Amino acid sequence: MKKLLLGAVILAPLAVLAYTQSAPPECAPGQSKLASHCVWFADKLDWKPVLDPKGNPTGIEQANLEGDPNSKTPAPYTMRVRIPANMRLPEHWHPHVERATLLSGELTFVSWDKYDPTNPDSTALTVTLRTPGDFSAMPAGRIHKGRAGPGGAVIQVHGISPWKRCAPASKDPDCKTPS
């Protein structure tokens, strides 16, 4: 009887966790809810300008799909990012793994195992996403830069919030990799 009770005590929280992890998200205004899930239609996304740290538009646009990438509470998010033709993305890194799927266009990443600002090309790895569906998983803390192709690029990014762009020598307290 004790083994049965112990098993129930261990399994009950796991069952609750499994249910909450699989429960469908609440649909936001402007999304369609079909049965028990939310649907986002590409032609109805709410694109907003991405601002630089000083509040100026960068030319990049972002549409949040599921969750809030800027939430201070760690939670899943999915967003789309539209990058104009030939735009260069400066060196930066993210505190969490950044997972990106190319939806259209072309995007070249350059990243480093060990970044040396005095000789940035010394250990660079260059990869170009060219085919819709190409996928990149950038480790937390890995410095990288990018450039959109001649037709621009649209990527879908998903991960755990908060999503943040950090400069290589950032003193921002939010720019630290999780331990």
N, C-alpha and C. Protein backbone atom coordinates (compact mmCIF):
# COMPACT_ATOMS: atom_id res chain seq x y z
N MET A 1 0.82 -1.19 0.00
CA MET A 1 0.00 0.00 0.00
C MET A 1 0.86 1.25 0.00
N LYS A 2 1.99 1.22 0.77
CA LYS A 2 2.88 2.37 0.84
C LYS A 2 3.48 2.65 -0.54
N LYS A 3 3.84 1.59 -1.29
CA LYS A 3 4.41 1.77 -2.62
C LYS A 3 3.38 2.39 -3.56
N LEU A 4 2.14 1.97 -3.46
CA LEU A 4 1.08 2.51 -4.30
C LEU A 4 0.86 4.00 -3.99
N LEU A 5 0.84 4.35 -2.72
CA LEU A 5 0.66 5.74 -2.30
C LEU A 5 1.85 6.59 -2.74
N LEU A 6 3.06 6.08 -2.58
CA LEU A 6 4.26 6.79 -3.00
C LEU A 6 4.24 7.01 -4.51
N GLY A 7 3.83 6.00 -5.26
CA GLY A 7 3.73 6.14 -6.71
C GLY A 7 2.73 7.20 -7.11
N ALA A 8 1.60 7.25 -6.43
CA ALA A 8 0.57 8.27 -6.73
C ALA A 8 1.09 9.66 -6.40
N VAL A 9 1.83 9.81 -5.30
CA VAL A 9 2.37 11.11 -4.90
C VAL A 9 3.38 11.59 -5.94
N ILE A 10 4.16 10.70 -6.50
CA ILE A 10 5.16 11.08 -7.50
C ILE A 10 4.51 11.35 -8.86
N LEU A 11 3.57 10.51 -9.27
CA LEU A 11 2.98 10.63 -10.61
C LEU A 11 1.96 11.75 -10.74
N ALA A 12 1.24 12.09 -9.68
CA ALA A 12 0.20 13.13 -9.77
C ALA A 12 0.77 14.47 -10.24
N PRO A 13 1.86 14.98 -9.64
CA PRO A 13 2.41 16.25 -10.13
C PRO A 13 2.89 16.16 -11.58
N LEU A 14 3.43 15.02 -11.97
CA LEU A 14 3.88 14.85 -13.36
C LEU A 14 2.71 14.92 -14.32
N ALA A 15 1.58 14.34 -13.93
CA ALA A 15 0.39 14.37 -14.79
C ALA A 15 -0.12 15.80 -14.93
N VAL A 16 -0.11 16.58 -13.83
CA VAL A 16 -0.53 17.98 -13.89
C VAL A 16 0.42 18.77 -14.78
N LEU A 17 1.72 18.56 -14.63
CA LEU A 17 2.71 19.24 -15.46
C LEU A 17 2.51 18.90 -16.93
N ALA A 18 2.31 17.65 -17.25
CA ALA A 18 2.10 17.24 -18.64
C ALA A 18 0.85 17.90 -19.21
N TYR A 19 -0.23 18.01 -18.42
CA TYR A 19 -1.44 18.65 -18.90
C TYR A 19 -1.22 20.13 -19.16
N THR A 20 -0.55 20.84 -18.22
CA THR A 20 -0.35 22.27 -18.40
C THR A 20 0.59 22.56 -19.56
N GLN A 21 1.55 21.67 -19.80
CA GLN A 21 2.46 21.88 -20.93
C GLN A 21 1.77 21.66 -22.26
N SER A 22 0.71 20.85 -22.28
CA SER A 22 0.04 20.55 -23.54
C SER A 22 -1.24 21.36 -23.73
N ALA A 23 -1.64 22.15 -22.74
CA ALA A 23 -2.86 22.94 -22.86
C ALA A 23 -2.68 24.01 -23.93
N PRO A 24 -3.69 24.24 -24.77
CA PRO A 24 -3.55 25.23 -25.84
C PRO A 24 -3.46 26.64 -25.27
N PRO A 25 -2.74 27.53 -25.97
CA PRO A 25 -2.63 28.90 -25.48
C PRO A 25 -3.94 29.65 -25.65
N GLU A 26 -4.08 30.74 -24.92
CA GLU A 26 -5.22 31.63 -25.13
C GLU A 26 -4.97 32.39 -26.42
N CYS A 27 -5.99 32.53 -27.24
CA CYS A 27 -5.85 33.26 -28.49
C CYS A 27 -5.90 34.76 -28.19
N ALA A 28 -5.03 35.50 -28.84
CA ALA A 28 -5.02 36.95 -28.68
C ALA A 28 -6.00 37.57 -29.66
N PRO A 29 -6.39 38.82 -29.43
CA PRO A 29 -7.29 39.48 -30.38
C PRO A 29 -6.70 39.45 -31.78
N GLY A 30 -7.54 39.21 -32.77
CA GLY A 30 -7.09 39.18 -34.16
C GLY A 30 -6.69 37.80 -34.64
N GLN A 31 -6.63 36.83 -33.74
CA GLN A 31 -6.31 35.46 -34.13
C GLN A 31 -7.60 34.69 -34.23
N SER A 32 -7.58 33.66 -35.05
CA SER A 32 -8.77 32.82 -35.19
C SER A 32 -8.63 31.62 -34.28
N LYS A 33 -9.71 31.28 -33.60
CA LYS A 33 -9.70 30.10 -32.75
C LYS A 33 -10.58 29.06 -33.41
N LEU A 34 -9.97 27.93 -33.73
CA LEU A 34 -10.68 26.81 -34.33
C LEU A 34 -10.66 25.67 -33.33
N ALA A 35 -11.83 25.24 -32.91
CA ALA A 35 -11.94 24.17 -31.91
C ALA A 35 -11.13 24.58 -30.68
N SER A 36 -10.05 23.88 -30.39
CA SER A 36 -9.30 24.17 -29.16
C SER A 36 -7.89 24.68 -29.45
N HIS A 37 -7.67 25.23 -30.63
CA HIS A 37 -6.34 25.77 -30.88
C HIS A 37 -6.42 27.10 -31.62
N CYS A 38 -5.32 27.87 -31.54
CA CYS A 38 -5.25 29.18 -32.18
C CYS A 38 -4.58 29.04 -33.54
N VAL A 39 -5.01 29.88 -34.47
CA VAL A 39 -4.45 29.87 -35.82
C VAL A 39 -4.04 31.30 -36.17
N TRP A 40 -2.84 31.47 -36.68
CA TRP A 40 -2.35 32.77 -37.12
C TRP A 40 -2.25 32.72 -38.65
N PHE A 41 -2.90 33.64 -39.33
CA PHE A 41 -2.83 33.69 -40.79
C PHE A 41 -1.78 34.72 -41.19
N ALA A 42 -0.88 34.31 -42.10
CA ALA A 42 0.27 35.14 -42.47
C ALA A 42 -0.14 36.53 -42.96
N ASP A 43 -1.25 36.63 -43.67
CA ASP A 43 -1.66 37.93 -44.20
C ASP A 43 -2.36 38.81 -43.16
N LYS A 44 -2.52 38.31 -41.95
CA LYS A 44 -3.20 39.08 -40.90
C LYS A 44 -2.29 39.35 -39.69
N LEU A 45 -0.99 39.10 -39.86
CA LEU A 45 -0.08 39.33 -38.74
C LEU A 45 0.05 40.81 -38.45
N ASP A 46 0.28 41.14 -37.19
CA ASP A 46 0.43 42.52 -36.74
C ASP A 46 1.93 42.86 -36.66
N TRP A 47 2.48 43.33 -37.79
CA TRP A 47 3.91 43.65 -37.86
C TRP A 47 4.15 45.00 -37.18
N LYS A 48 5.20 45.03 -36.36
CA LYS A 48 5.57 46.27 -35.66
C LYS A 48 7.06 46.54 -35.89
N PRO A 49 7.45 47.83 -35.94
CA PRO A 49 8.87 48.13 -36.14
C PRO A 49 9.70 47.70 -34.93
N VAL A 50 10.90 47.19 -35.21
CA VAL A 50 11.86 46.87 -34.15
C VAL A 50 12.69 48.12 -33.93
N LEU A 51 12.82 48.53 -32.69
CA LEU A 51 13.54 49.75 -32.35
C LEU A 51 14.93 49.43 -31.82
N ASP A 52 15.87 50.33 -32.05
CA ASP A 52 17.21 50.16 -31.48
C ASP A 52 17.16 50.59 -30.00
N PRO A 53 18.26 50.44 -29.26
CA PRO A 53 18.23 50.79 -27.83
C PRO A 53 17.86 52.25 -27.55
N LYS A 54 18.04 53.13 -28.55
CA LYS A 54 17.69 54.55 -28.36
C LYS A 54 16.26 54.84 -28.78
N GLY A 55 15.51 53.81 -29.23
CA GLY A 55 14.12 53.99 -29.62
C GLY A 55 13.91 54.36 -31.08
N ASN A 56 14.96 54.27 -31.89
CA ASN A 56 14.84 54.59 -33.32
C ASN A 56 14.48 53.33 -34.12
N PRO A 57 13.66 53.47 -35.16
CA PRO A 57 13.33 52.31 -36.00
C PRO A 57 14.58 51.76 -36.69
N THR A 58 14.69 50.46 -36.77
CA THR A 58 15.85 49.82 -37.41
C THR A 58 15.57 49.42 -38.86
N GLY A 59 14.31 49.40 -39.27
CA GLY A 59 13.94 48.89 -40.59
C GLY A 59 13.45 47.45 -40.50
N ILE A 60 13.75 46.78 -39.40
CA ILE A 60 13.31 45.41 -39.18
C ILE A 60 11.91 45.45 -38.58
N GLU A 61 11.08 44.47 -38.93
CA GLU A 61 9.74 44.37 -38.35
C GLU A 61 9.58 43.02 -37.66
N GLN A 62 8.73 43.01 -36.64
CA GLN A 62 8.50 41.82 -35.83
C GLN A 62 7.01 41.62 -35.62
N ALA A 63 6.56 40.38 -35.73
CA ALA A 63 5.17 40.03 -35.43
C ALA A 63 5.20 38.93 -34.37
N ASN A 64 4.67 39.22 -33.19
CA ASN A 64 4.61 38.22 -32.13
C ASN A 64 3.44 37.29 -32.40
N LEU A 65 3.71 36.01 -32.36
CA LEU A 65 2.66 35.02 -32.55
C LEU A 65 2.19 34.51 -31.20
N GLU A 66 2.92 33.59 -30.65
CA GLU A 66 2.54 32.98 -29.37
C GLU A 66 3.45 33.47 -28.27
N GLY A 67 2.88 33.81 -27.13
CA GLY A 67 3.68 34.24 -25.99
C GLY A 67 4.21 35.65 -26.18
N ASP A 68 5.04 36.06 -25.24
CA ASP A 68 5.63 37.40 -25.27
C ASP A 68 7.14 37.26 -25.16
N PRO A 69 7.88 37.52 -26.26
CA PRO A 69 9.33 37.36 -26.20
C PRO A 69 10.00 38.30 -25.20
N ASN A 70 9.31 39.38 -24.81
CA ASN A 70 9.90 40.35 -23.89
C ASN A 70 9.52 40.10 -22.43
N SER A 71 8.74 39.06 -22.17
CA SER A 71 8.33 38.76 -20.80
C SER A 71 9.55 38.48 -19.93
N LYS A 72 9.55 39.04 -18.74
CA LYS A 72 10.65 38.77 -17.79
C LYS A 72 10.50 37.39 -17.16
N THR A 73 9.30 36.82 -17.24
CA THR A 73 9.06 35.47 -16.72
C THR A 73 9.37 34.47 -17.83
N PRO A 74 10.28 33.53 -17.60
CA PRO A 74 10.59 32.57 -18.66
C PRO A 74 9.36 31.81 -19.13
N ALA A 75 9.11 31.89 -20.42
CA ALA A 75 7.95 31.23 -21.03
C ALA A 75 8.22 31.08 -22.53
N PRO A 76 7.59 30.09 -23.18
CA PRO A 76 7.80 29.93 -24.62
C PRO A 76 7.22 31.10 -25.41
N TYR A 77 7.88 31.43 -26.50
CA TYR A 77 7.37 32.45 -27.42
C TYR A 77 7.68 32.01 -28.86
N THR A 78 6.93 32.56 -29.79
CA THR A 78 7.20 32.41 -31.22
C THR A 78 6.93 33.76 -31.86
N MET A 79 7.87 34.21 -32.71
CA MET A 79 7.69 35.48 -33.40
C MET A 79 8.24 35.36 -34.81
N ARG A 80 7.80 36.25 -35.67
CA ARG A 80 8.36 36.34 -37.02
C ARG A 80 9.13 37.64 -37.10
N VAL A 81 10.22 37.61 -37.85
CA VAL A 81 11.07 38.78 -38.03
C VAL A 81 11.28 38.98 -39.53
N ARG A 82 10.99 40.21 -39.99
CA ARG A 82 11.16 40.55 -41.41
C ARG A 82 12.32 41.53 -41.51
N ILE A 83 13.35 41.12 -42.27
CA ILE A 83 14.58 41.90 -42.39
C ILE A 83 14.68 42.42 -43.83
N PRO A 84 14.88 43.74 -44.02
CA PRO A 84 14.94 44.30 -45.37
C PRO A 84 16.14 43.79 -46.17
N ALA A 85 16.05 43.94 -47.48
CA ALA A 85 17.10 43.50 -48.41
C ALA A 85 18.46 44.08 -48.04
N ASN A 86 19.45 43.19 -48.03
CA ASN A 86 20.87 43.53 -47.83
C ASN A 86 21.18 44.18 -46.48
N MET A 87 20.24 44.15 -45.54
CA MET A 87 20.49 44.77 -44.24
C MET A 87 21.51 43.95 -43.46
N ARG A 88 22.44 44.65 -42.86
CA ARG A 88 23.45 44.03 -42.00
C ARG A 88 22.97 44.09 -40.55
N LEU A 89 23.14 42.99 -39.84
CA LEU A 89 22.82 42.92 -38.41
C LEU A 89 24.15 42.91 -37.67
N PRO A 90 24.41 43.89 -36.81
CA PRO A 90 25.71 43.97 -36.14
C PRO A 90 25.95 42.82 -35.17
N GLU A 91 27.20 42.67 -34.75
CA GLU A 91 27.56 41.64 -33.78
C GLU A 91 26.68 41.78 -32.54
N HIS A 92 26.16 40.64 -32.10
CA HIS A 92 25.32 40.60 -30.91
C HIS A 92 25.23 39.16 -30.42
N TRP A 93 24.57 38.97 -29.29
CA TRP A 93 24.32 37.64 -28.74
C TRP A 93 23.02 37.69 -27.95
N HIS A 94 22.56 36.51 -27.57
CA HIS A 94 21.30 36.39 -26.82
C HIS A 94 21.52 35.57 -25.55
N PRO A 95 20.84 35.93 -24.46
CA PRO A 95 21.00 35.19 -23.20
C PRO A 95 20.45 33.76 -23.23
N HIS A 96 19.59 33.45 -24.20
CA HIS A 96 19.01 32.11 -24.31
C HIS A 96 19.25 31.59 -25.73
N VAL A 97 19.10 30.30 -25.92
CA VAL A 97 19.21 29.72 -27.26
C VAL A 97 18.23 30.43 -28.18
N GLU A 98 18.68 30.78 -29.37
CA GLU A 98 17.82 31.40 -30.37
C GLU A 98 17.63 30.40 -31.51
N ARG A 99 16.38 30.00 -31.72
CA ARG A 99 16.06 29.03 -32.77
C ARG A 99 15.33 29.77 -33.89
N ALA A 100 15.88 29.71 -35.11
CA ALA A 100 15.31 30.47 -36.23
C ALA A 100 15.12 29.56 -37.43
N THR A 101 13.93 29.66 -38.03
CA THR A 101 13.61 28.93 -39.26
C THR A 101 13.41 29.96 -40.37
N LEU A 102 14.10 29.78 -41.48
CA LEU A 102 13.93 30.67 -42.63
C LEU A 102 12.60 30.37 -43.30
N LEU A 103 11.78 31.42 -43.48
CA LEU A 103 10.50 31.26 -44.16
C LEU A 103 10.59 31.74 -45.60
N SER A 104 11.36 32.80 -45.83
CA SER A 104 11.56 33.29 -47.20
C SER A 104 12.83 34.12 -47.26
N GLY A 105 13.36 34.27 -48.47
CA GLY A 105 14.55 35.07 -48.68
C GLY A 105 15.82 34.29 -48.36
N GLU A 106 16.82 35.04 -47.92
CA GLU A 106 18.13 34.47 -47.63
C GLU A 106 18.74 35.23 -46.46
N LEU A 107 19.41 34.51 -45.56
CA LEU A 107 20.03 35.13 -44.39
C LEU A 107 21.36 34.44 -44.11
N THR A 108 22.42 35.24 -44.05
CA THR A 108 23.75 34.72 -43.75
C THR A 108 24.09 35.06 -42.30
N PHE A 109 24.55 34.05 -41.56
CA PHE A 109 25.03 34.23 -40.20
C PHE A 109 26.54 34.07 -40.19
N VAL A 110 27.21 34.89 -39.40
CA VAL A 110 28.62 34.70 -39.09
C VAL A 110 28.68 34.60 -37.58
N SER A 111 29.33 33.55 -37.06
CA SER A 111 29.40 33.39 -35.60
C SER A 111 30.80 32.93 -35.21
N TRP A 112 31.07 33.06 -33.93
CA TRP A 112 32.41 32.76 -33.42
C TRP A 112 32.33 31.88 -32.19
N ASP A 113 33.27 30.91 -32.10
CA ASP A 113 33.45 30.17 -30.85
C ASP A 113 34.09 31.08 -29.82
N LYS A 114 35.13 31.82 -30.27
CA LYS A 114 35.80 32.81 -29.41
C LYS A 114 35.91 34.09 -30.23
N TYR A 115 35.20 35.11 -29.78
CA TYR A 115 35.17 36.37 -30.51
C TYR A 115 36.36 37.24 -30.12
N ASP A 116 37.10 37.69 -31.11
CA ASP A 116 38.23 38.59 -30.91
C ASP A 116 37.93 39.87 -31.67
N PRO A 117 37.51 40.95 -30.98
CA PRO A 117 37.14 42.17 -31.69
C PRO A 117 38.29 42.79 -32.48
N THR A 118 39.54 42.45 -32.13
CA THR A 118 40.68 43.00 -32.88
C THR A 118 40.92 42.23 -34.17
N ASN A 119 40.39 41.01 -34.26
CA ASN A 119 40.56 40.19 -35.47
C ASN A 119 39.32 39.31 -35.63
N PRO A 120 38.16 39.94 -35.96
CA PRO A 120 36.90 39.19 -35.94
C PRO A 120 36.79 38.07 -36.97
N ASP A 121 37.59 38.10 -38.02
CA ASP A 121 37.48 37.05 -39.03
C ASP A 121 38.35 35.84 -38.73
N SER A 122 39.11 35.88 -37.62
CA SER A 122 40.08 34.82 -37.34
C SER A 122 39.44 33.45 -37.12
N THR A 123 38.33 33.38 -36.42
CA THR A 123 37.72 32.08 -36.13
C THR A 123 36.25 32.06 -36.52
N ALA A 124 35.89 32.85 -37.51
CA ALA A 124 34.47 32.98 -37.88
C ALA A 124 33.97 31.76 -38.63
N LEU A 125 32.72 31.41 -38.36
CA LEU A 125 32.00 30.37 -39.09
C LEU A 125 30.87 31.07 -39.82
N THR A 126 30.79 30.89 -41.14
CA THR A 126 29.75 31.55 -41.95
C THR A 126 28.80 30.49 -42.50
N VAL A 127 27.51 30.73 -42.32
CA VAL A 127 26.47 29.82 -42.80
C VAL A 127 25.37 30.67 -43.43
N THR A 128 24.87 30.24 -44.60
CA THR A 128 23.77 30.95 -45.24
C THR A 128 22.55 30.06 -45.30
N LEU A 129 21.43 30.58 -44.79
CA LEU A 129 20.14 29.90 -44.91
C LEU A 129 19.53 30.37 -46.23
N ARG A 130 19.27 29.43 -47.16
CA ARG A 130 18.79 29.80 -48.49
C ARG A 130 17.43 29.20 -48.84
N THR A 131 17.11 28.07 -48.23
CA THR A 131 15.90 27.34 -48.59
C THR A 131 14.87 27.48 -47.48
N PRO A 132 13.63 27.86 -47.81
CA PRO A 132 12.61 27.91 -46.76
C PRO A 132 12.59 26.59 -45.98
N GLY A 133 12.62 26.72 -44.67
CA GLY A 133 12.69 25.54 -43.81
C GLY A 133 14.07 25.35 -43.22
N ASP A 134 15.13 26.00 -43.79
CA ASP A 134 16.46 25.92 -43.18
C ASP A 134 16.35 26.43 -41.75
N PHE A 135 17.11 25.81 -40.83
CA PHE A 135 16.95 26.04 -39.40
C PHE A 135 18.31 26.30 -38.76
N SER A 136 18.33 27.20 -37.80
CA SER A 136 19.54 27.50 -37.04
C SER A 136 19.20 27.51 -35.56
N ALA A 137 20.05 26.90 -34.74
CA ALA A 137 19.92 26.96 -33.28
C ALA A 137 21.22 27.56 -32.76
N MET A 138 21.16 28.83 -32.38
CA MET A 138 22.34 29.57 -31.92
C MET A 138 22.43 29.43 -30.41
N PRO A 139 23.54 28.87 -29.90
CA PRO A 139 23.66 28.69 -28.45
C PRO A 139 23.62 30.02 -27.69
N ALA A 140 23.14 29.98 -26.48
CA ALA A 140 23.12 31.17 -25.62
C ALA A 140 24.54 31.71 -25.49
N GLY A 141 24.68 33.03 -25.61
CA GLY A 141 25.97 33.67 -25.42
C GLY A 141 26.88 33.68 -26.63
N ARG A 142 26.50 33.00 -27.71
CA ARG A 142 27.38 32.94 -28.89
C ARG A 142 27.24 34.23 -29.70
N ILE A 143 28.34 34.94 -29.88
CA ILE A 143 28.32 36.19 -30.64
C ILE A 143 28.16 35.86 -32.12
N HIS A 144 27.26 36.59 -32.77
CA HIS A 144 27.01 36.39 -34.19
C HIS A 144 26.54 37.70 -34.83
N LYS A 145 26.61 37.74 -36.14
CA LYS A 145 26.07 38.86 -36.91
C LYS A 145 25.38 38.26 -38.12
N GLY A 146 24.70 39.10 -38.88
CA GLY A 146 23.97 38.56 -40.02
C GLY A 146 23.83 39.57 -41.13
N ARG A 147 23.36 39.06 -42.26
CA ARG A 147 23.04 39.93 -43.40
C ARG A 147 21.94 39.27 -44.21
N ALA A 148 20.89 40.05 -44.49
CA ALA A 148 19.81 39.55 -45.33
C ALA A 148 20.27 39.57 -46.79
N GLY A 149 19.71 38.67 -47.58
CA GLY A 149 20.03 38.60 -49.00
C GLY A 149 19.38 39.73 -49.78
N PRO A 150 19.55 39.73 -51.10
CA PRO A 150 19.03 40.81 -51.94
C PRO A 150 17.50 40.95 -51.90
N GLY A 151 16.79 39.90 -51.55
CA GLY A 151 15.33 39.97 -51.44
C GLY A 151 14.85 40.10 -50.01
N GLY A 152 15.78 40.33 -49.06
CA GLY A 152 15.42 40.38 -47.65
C GLY A 152 15.26 38.98 -47.09
N ALA A 153 14.71 38.88 -45.91
CA ALA A 153 14.51 37.57 -45.26
C ALA A 153 13.37 37.68 -44.26
N VAL A 154 12.63 36.60 -44.12
CA VAL A 154 11.65 36.46 -43.05
C VAL A 154 12.01 35.18 -42.32
N ILE A 155 12.19 35.30 -41.00
CA ILE A 155 12.49 34.13 -40.18
C ILE A 155 11.44 34.01 -39.09
N GLN A 156 11.26 32.79 -38.63
CA GLN A 156 10.42 32.55 -37.47
C GLN A 156 11.35 32.14 -36.34
N VAL A 157 11.28 32.87 -35.23
CA VAL A 157 12.15 32.65 -34.09
C VAL A 157 11.30 32.13 -32.94
N HIS A 158 11.79 31.10 -32.26
CA HIS A 158 11.09 30.64 -31.07
C HIS A 158 12.11 30.27 -30.00
N GLY A 159 11.68 30.37 -28.77
CA GLY A 159 12.57 30.07 -27.66
C GLY A 159 11.87 30.34 -26.35
N ILE A 160 12.67 30.67 -25.34
CA ILE A 160 12.17 30.97 -24.01
C ILE A 160 12.47 32.43 -23.71
N SER A 161 11.44 33.15 -23.24
CA SER A 161 11.64 34.57 -22.91
C SER A 161 12.50 34.69 -21.64
N PRO A 162 13.11 35.83 -21.44
CA PRO A 162 13.06 37.00 -22.29
C PRO A 162 14.04 36.90 -23.45
N TRP A 163 13.59 37.34 -24.64
CA TRP A 163 14.46 37.43 -25.81
C TRP A 163 15.11 38.80 -25.77
N LYS A 164 16.40 38.85 -25.95
CA LYS A 164 17.13 40.11 -25.84
C LYS A 164 18.32 40.08 -26.78
N ARG A 165 18.59 41.20 -27.45
CA ARG A 165 19.81 41.37 -28.26
C ARG A 165 20.82 42.09 -27.38
N CYS A 166 22.01 41.51 -27.26
CA CYS A 166 23.05 42.08 -26.41
C CYS A 166 24.29 42.37 -27.24
N ALA A 167 24.87 43.55 -27.07
CA ALA A 167 26.13 43.89 -27.74
C ALA A 167 27.25 43.09 -27.10
N PRO A 168 28.35 42.82 -27.85
CA PRO A 168 29.42 41.99 -27.28
C PRO A 168 29.95 42.46 -25.93
N ALA A 169 30.07 43.77 -25.70
CA ALA A 169 30.61 44.26 -24.42
C ALA A 169 29.53 44.88 -23.55
N SER A 170 28.30 44.40 -23.67
CA SER A 170 27.15 45.00 -22.97
C SER A 170 27.32 44.93 -21.45
N LYS A 171 26.94 46.02 -20.80
CA LYS A 171 26.91 46.04 -19.33
C LYS A 171 25.47 45.97 -18.83
N ASP A 172 24.52 45.73 -19.75
CA ASP A 172 23.12 45.61 -19.41
C ASP A 172 22.94 44.43 -18.45
N PRO A 173 22.30 44.63 -17.28
CA PRO A 173 22.13 43.52 -16.34
C PRO A 173 21.28 42.37 -16.89
N ASP A 174 20.45 42.65 -17.90
CA ASP A 174 19.65 41.59 -18.52
C ASP A 174 20.47 40.76 -19.51
N CYS A 175 21.68 41.24 -19.82
CA CYS A 175 22.53 40.53 -20.79
C CYS A 175 23.51 39.63 -20.04
N LYS A 176 22.98 38.55 -19.57
CA LYS A 176 23.82 37.52 -18.95
C LYS A 176 23.22 36.18 -19.32
N THR A 177 24.08 35.23 -19.59
CA THR A 177 23.58 33.90 -19.95
C THR A 177 23.11 33.21 -18.68
N PRO A 178 22.01 32.45 -18.79
CA PRO A 178 21.51 31.75 -17.61
C PRO A 178 22.52 30.71 -17.14
N SER A 179 22.64 30.55 -15.83
CA SER A 179 23.60 29.58 -15.30
C SER A 179 23.02 28.19 -15.25
